[in-house]
Each structure stands twice: as structure tokens, then as C-alpha cells.
Amino acid sequence: MKALTPDTLPAPFGAYAHGVQAGRLIATSGQLALAADGNIPASVTAQTELCFENIRAILAAAGADFSHVIRFTGYVTRRADFTAYMAVRDALVRDLAVKPASTLLIVTGFTRPEFLVEVEALAMTPH
């Protein structure tokens, strides 16, 4: 196994890797909208975009991209935010021949109240 912790992401909050590659399989930890400089965007759209950008960096560390994603799992804290989350996700996968499986859950909260969304991915490297 290989840890995937790109330098462009803030350090993990605890004893875990942002992603793990086991053979061709890539699993990301849930990505919160925390920029490398510690900033957290205010809007759910901006947070969702940052979560997916963090996932993009983790996948790239393994030589993969969104076309290699098998499944996204998203979490939002407010039912009203699922539309904004889906708009960002849908734009990222719009041109993919095979869209990844996807689950979206509404949860009561994350480690800090400023976080509105979290996203994780499961992917396979191209070779």
C-alpha cells in the first residue's frame, strides 16, 4: 500500500492519509473544504469545489483522474445544499463516458461548524 498525501493539501487532522493506493485501487479520506492556507470558503458551492479539487490532487498523486473514479460519496449538513453539491459534481463528470456511482447523505455536522460538505472517492488507476 502507498499513502497519498499531496503537498498541496493541508496535513490530515489525525493519524491517517488523505488517500491510500492498494494495487490499482485508490480510496480517499473524506475531503473537507480546507484550503492549504487554512481558509474555509463560506458557500457550499465553493466548499464543494475545493473538496473535489483536493480529491483531484489525491488521484493525480496515483496517476489517476476523475475518469478513473468508481464512486463518489458526498455529505452535506443541510438538505437545501444538495442541489449546489450536485451541480458541482455533475459539471466535473459531465464529459465522462461512464459516470461514477454516487451517494449523497445529509448529516448533522462535521468537526467544525464552518464545514458544510465532505466528499470521498473510490477509484482505480488506469494501469
C-alpha atoms as a PDB file:
ATOM      1  CA  MET A   1       0.000   0.000   0.000  1.00  0.00           C
ATOM      2  CA  LYS A   2       1.034   3.589  -0.594  1.00  0.00           C
ATOM      3  CA  ALA A   3      -0.121   6.743   1.233  1.00  0.00           C
ATOM      4  CA  LEU A   4      -1.304   9.594  -0.998  1.00  0.00           C
ATOM      5  CA  THR A   5      -0.836  12.910   0.780  1.00  0.00           C
ATOM      6  CA  PRO A   6      -0.123  15.676  -1.780  1.00  0.00           C
ATOM      7  CA  ASP A   7       1.857  18.709  -0.575  1.00  0.00           C
ATOM      8  CA  THR A   8      -0.885  20.991  -1.933  1.00  0.00           C
ATOM      9  CA  LEU A   9      -3.321  19.778   0.741  1.00  0.00           C
ATOM     10  CA  PRO A  10      -3.226  20.717   4.410  1.00  0.00           C
ATOM     11  CA  ALA A  11      -1.931  17.987   6.693  1.00  0.00           C
ATOM     12  CA  PRO A  12      -4.538  15.433   7.796  1.00  0.00           C
ATOM     13  CA  PHE A  13      -6.253  16.202  11.122  1.00  0.00           C
ATOM     14  CA  GLY A  14      -5.009  12.960  12.669  1.00  0.00           C
ATOM     15  CA  ALA A  15      -3.219   9.682  12.056  1.00  0.00           C
ATOM     16  CA  TYR A  16      -4.488   8.964   8.551  1.00  0.00           C
ATOM     17  CA  ALA A  17      -3.575   9.609   4.913  1.00  0.00           C
ATOM     18  CA  HIS A  18      -5.634  11.742   2.550  1.00  0.00           C
ATOM     19  CA  GLY A  19      -5.658   8.737   0.257  1.00  0.00           C
ATOM     20  CA  VAL A  20      -4.363   5.194   0.048  1.00  0.00           C
ATOM     21  CA  GLN A  21      -3.429   3.228  -3.037  1.00  0.00           C
ATOM     22  CA  ALA A  22      -3.553  -0.551  -2.775  1.00  0.00           C
ATOM     23  CA  GLY A  23      -2.601  -2.042  -6.117  1.00  0.00           C
ATOM     24  CA  ARG A  24      -4.830  -0.264  -8.627  1.00  0.00           C
ATOM     25  CA  LEU A  25      -7.428   0.713  -6.000  1.00  0.00           C
ATOM     26  CA  ILE A  26      -7.449   4.279  -4.638  1.00  0.00           C
ATOM     27  CA  ALA A  27      -9.542   5.259  -1.625  1.00  0.00           C
ATOM     28  CA  THR A  28      -9.634   8.859  -0.447  1.00  0.00           C
ATOM     29  CA  SER A  29     -10.439  10.024   3.034  1.00  0.00           C
ATOM     30  CA  GLY A  30     -13.378  12.370   3.215  1.00  0.00           C
ATOM     31  CA  GLN A  31     -12.185  15.749   1.996  1.00  0.00           C
ATOM     32  CA  LEU A  32     -13.402  18.840   3.784  1.00  0.00           C
ATOM     33  CA  ALA A  33     -13.199  22.313   2.282  1.00  0.00           C
ATOM     34  CA  LEU A  34      -9.943  23.312   3.904  1.00  0.00           C
ATOM     35  CA  ALA A  35      -7.500  25.149   1.663  1.00  0.00           C
ATOM     36  CA  ALA A  36      -3.736  24.670   2.060  1.00  0.00           C
ATOM     37  CA  ASP A  37      -3.562  28.087   3.751  1.00  0.00           C
ATOM     38  CA  GLY A  38      -6.223  27.057   6.291  1.00  0.00           C
ATOM     39  CA  ASN A  39      -9.084  29.050   4.784  1.00  0.00           C
ATOM     40  CA  ILE A  40     -12.589  27.595   4.582  1.00  0.00           C
ATOM     41  CA  PRO A  41     -14.845  29.032   1.848  1.00  0.00           C
ATOM     42  CA  ALA A  42     -18.200  30.353   3.065  1.00  0.00           C
ATOM     43  CA  SER A  43     -20.526  28.966   0.378  1.00  0.00           C
ATOM     44  CA  VAL A  44     -21.450  25.338  -0.118  1.00  0.00           C
ATOM     45  CA  THR A  45     -20.600  25.667  -3.834  1.00  0.00           C
ATOM     46  CA  ALA A  46     -17.079  26.918  -3.108  1.00  0.00           C
ATOM     47  CA  GLN A  47     -16.636  24.267  -0.425  1.00  0.00           C
ATOM     48  CA  THR A  48     -17.755  21.527  -2.801  1.00  0.00           C
ATOM     49  CA  GLU A  49     -15.376  22.773  -5.498  1.00  0.00           C
ATOM     50  CA  LEU A  50     -12.477  22.701  -3.024  1.00  0.00           C
ATOM     51  CA  CYS A  51     -13.363  19.192  -1.831  1.00  0.00           C
ATOM     52  CA  PHE A  52     -13.266  17.951  -5.422  1.00  0.00           C
ATOM     53  CA  GLU A  53     -10.015  19.829  -6.139  1.00  0.00           C
ATOM     54  CA  ASN A  54      -8.451  18.080  -3.146  1.00  0.00           C
ATOM     55  CA  ILE A  55      -9.672  14.740  -4.500  1.00  0.00           C
ATOM     56  CA  ARG A  56      -8.247  15.639  -7.923  1.00  0.00           C
ATOM     57  CA  ALA A  57      -4.821  16.173  -6.288  1.00  0.00           C
ATOM     58  CA  ILE A  58      -5.008  12.854  -4.427  1.00  0.00           C
ATOM     59  CA  LEU A  59      -5.954  10.991  -7.602  1.00  0.00           C
ATOM     60  CA  ALA A  60      -3.149  12.709  -9.547  1.00  0.00           C
ATOM     61  CA  ALA A  61      -0.633  11.503  -6.954  1.00  0.00           C
ATOM     62  CA  ALA A  62      -1.560   7.964  -8.078  1.00  0.00           C
ATOM     63  CA  GLY A  63      -1.608   8.813 -11.806  1.00  0.00           C
ATOM     64  CA  ALA A  64      -5.414   8.919 -11.974  1.00  0.00           C
ATOM     65  CA  ASP A  65      -8.129  11.487 -12.614  1.00  0.00           C
ATOM     66  CA  PHE A  66     -11.917  11.767 -12.356  1.00  0.00           C
ATOM     67  CA  SER A  67     -12.379   9.369 -15.276  1.00  0.00           C
ATOM     68  CA  HIS A  68     -10.997   6.640 -13.004  1.00  0.00           C
ATOM     69  CA  VAL A  69     -13.471   7.239 -10.174  1.00  0.00           C
ATOM     70  CA  ILE A  70     -15.813   4.357  -9.435  1.00  0.00           C
ATOM     71  CA  ARG A  71     -17.823   6.079  -6.703  1.00  0.00           C
ATOM     72  CA  PHE A  72     -18.228   9.442  -5.009  1.00  0.00           C
ATOM     73  CA  THR A  73     -19.820   9.744  -1.592  1.00  0.00           C
ATOM     74  CA  GLY A  74     -20.879  13.230  -0.554  1.00  0.00           C
ATOM     75  CA  TYR A  75     -22.137  14.534   2.755  1.00  0.00           C
ATOM     76  CA  VAL A  76     -23.918  17.847   3.332  1.00  0.00           C
ATOM     77  CA  THR A  77     -25.227  19.325   6.569  1.00  0.00           C
ATOM     78  CA  ARG A  78     -28.316  20.970   5.096  1.00  0.00           C
ATOM     79  CA  ARG A  79     -30.910  19.392   2.829  1.00  0.00           C
ATOM     80  CA  ALA A  80     -31.089  22.657   0.859  1.00  0.00           C
ATOM     81  CA  ASP A  81     -27.422  22.249  -0.174  1.00  0.00           C
ATOM     82  CA  PHE A  82     -27.773  19.030  -2.130  1.00  0.00           C
ATOM     83  CA  THR A  83     -28.598  20.938  -5.341  1.00  0.00           C
ATOM     84  CA  ALA A  84     -25.397  23.023  -5.148  1.00  0.00           C
ATOM     85  CA  TYR A  85     -23.340  19.920  -4.378  1.00  0.00           C
ATOM     86  CA  MET A  86     -24.848  18.018  -7.308  1.00  0.00           C
ATOM     87  CA  ALA A  87     -24.260  20.929  -9.697  1.00  0.00           C
ATOM     88  CA  VAL A  88     -20.526  20.912  -8.944  1.00  0.00           C
ATOM     89  CA  ARG A  89     -20.257  17.123  -9.113  1.00  0.00           C
ATOM     90  CA  ASP A  90     -22.265  16.941 -12.324  1.00  0.00           C
ATOM     91  CA  ALA A  91     -20.095  19.581 -14.020  1.00  0.00           C
ATOM     92  CA  LEU A  92     -16.965  17.584 -13.160  1.00  0.00           C
ATOM     93  CA  VAL A  93     -18.273  14.333 -14.636  1.00  0.00           C
ATOM     94  CA  ARG A  94     -20.367  15.773 -17.492  1.00  0.00           C
ATOM     95  CA  ASP A  95     -17.986  14.678 -20.252  1.00  0.00           C
ATOM     96  CA  LEU A  96     -17.090  11.269 -18.853  1.00  0.00           C
ATOM     97  CA  ALA A  97     -18.219   8.309 -20.931  1.00  0.00           C
ATOM     98  CA  VAL A  98     -19.029   6.377 -17.747  1.00  0.00           C
ATOM     99  CA  LYS A  99     -20.317   8.406 -14.822  1.00  0.00           C
ATOM    100  CA  PRO A 100     -19.225   7.203 -11.379  1.00  0.00           C
ATOM    101  CA  ALA A 101     -21.690   5.756  -8.916  1.00  0.00           C
ATOM    102  CA  SER A 102     -22.668   8.368  -6.338  1.00  0.00           C
ATOM    103  CA  THR A 103     -24.289   8.636  -2.935  1.00  0.00           C
ATOM    104  CA  LEU A 104     -25.257  11.846  -1.128  1.00  0.00           C
ATOM    105  CA  LEU A 105     -26.085  11.838   2.570  1.00  0.00           C
ATOM    106  CA  ILE A 106     -27.400  14.563   4.855  1.00  0.00           C
ATOM    107  CA  VAL A 107     -25.527  14.563   8.164  1.00  0.00           C
ATOM    108  CA  THR A 108     -25.764  16.573  11.372  1.00  0.00           C
ATOM    109  CA  GLY A 109     -22.289  18.075  11.131  1.00  0.00           C
ATOM    110  CA  PHE A 110     -18.530  17.770  10.827  1.00  0.00           C
ATOM    111  CA  THR A 111     -15.522  18.508  13.048  1.00  0.00           C
ATOM    112  CA  ARG A 112     -16.049  22.268  12.763  1.00  0.00           C
ATOM    113  CA  PRO A 113     -19.358  24.073  12.215  1.00  0.00           C
ATOM    114  CA  GLU A 114     -17.958  26.020   9.223  1.00  0.00           C
ATOM    115  CA  PHE A 115     -17.718  22.824   7.182  1.00  0.00           C
ATOM    116  CA  LEU A 116     -20.861  22.286   5.090  1.00  0.00           C
ATOM    117  CA  VAL A 117     -19.780  19.447   2.799  1.00  0.00           C
ATOM    118  CA  GLU A 118     -17.406  16.480   2.702  1.00  0.00           C
ATOM    119  CA  VAL A 119     -16.609  14.255  -0.274  1.00  0.00           C
ATOM    120  CA  GLU A 120     -14.761  10.961  -0.635  1.00  0.00           C
ATOM    121  CA  ALA A 121     -13.918   8.876  -3.692  1.00  0.00           C
ATOM    122  CA  LEU A 122     -13.074   5.333  -4.685  1.00  0.00           C
ATOM    123  CA  ALA A 123     -11.113   4.929  -7.917  1.00  0.00           C
ATOM    124  CA  MET A 124      -8.950   2.538  -9.956  1.00  0.00           C
ATOM    125  CA  THR A 125      -5.667   3.573 -11.552  1.00  0.00           C
ATOM    126  CA  PRO A 126      -5.535   3.255 -15.331  1.00  0.00           C
ATOM    127  CA  HIS A 127      -2.813   0.544 -15.171  1.00  0.00           C
END
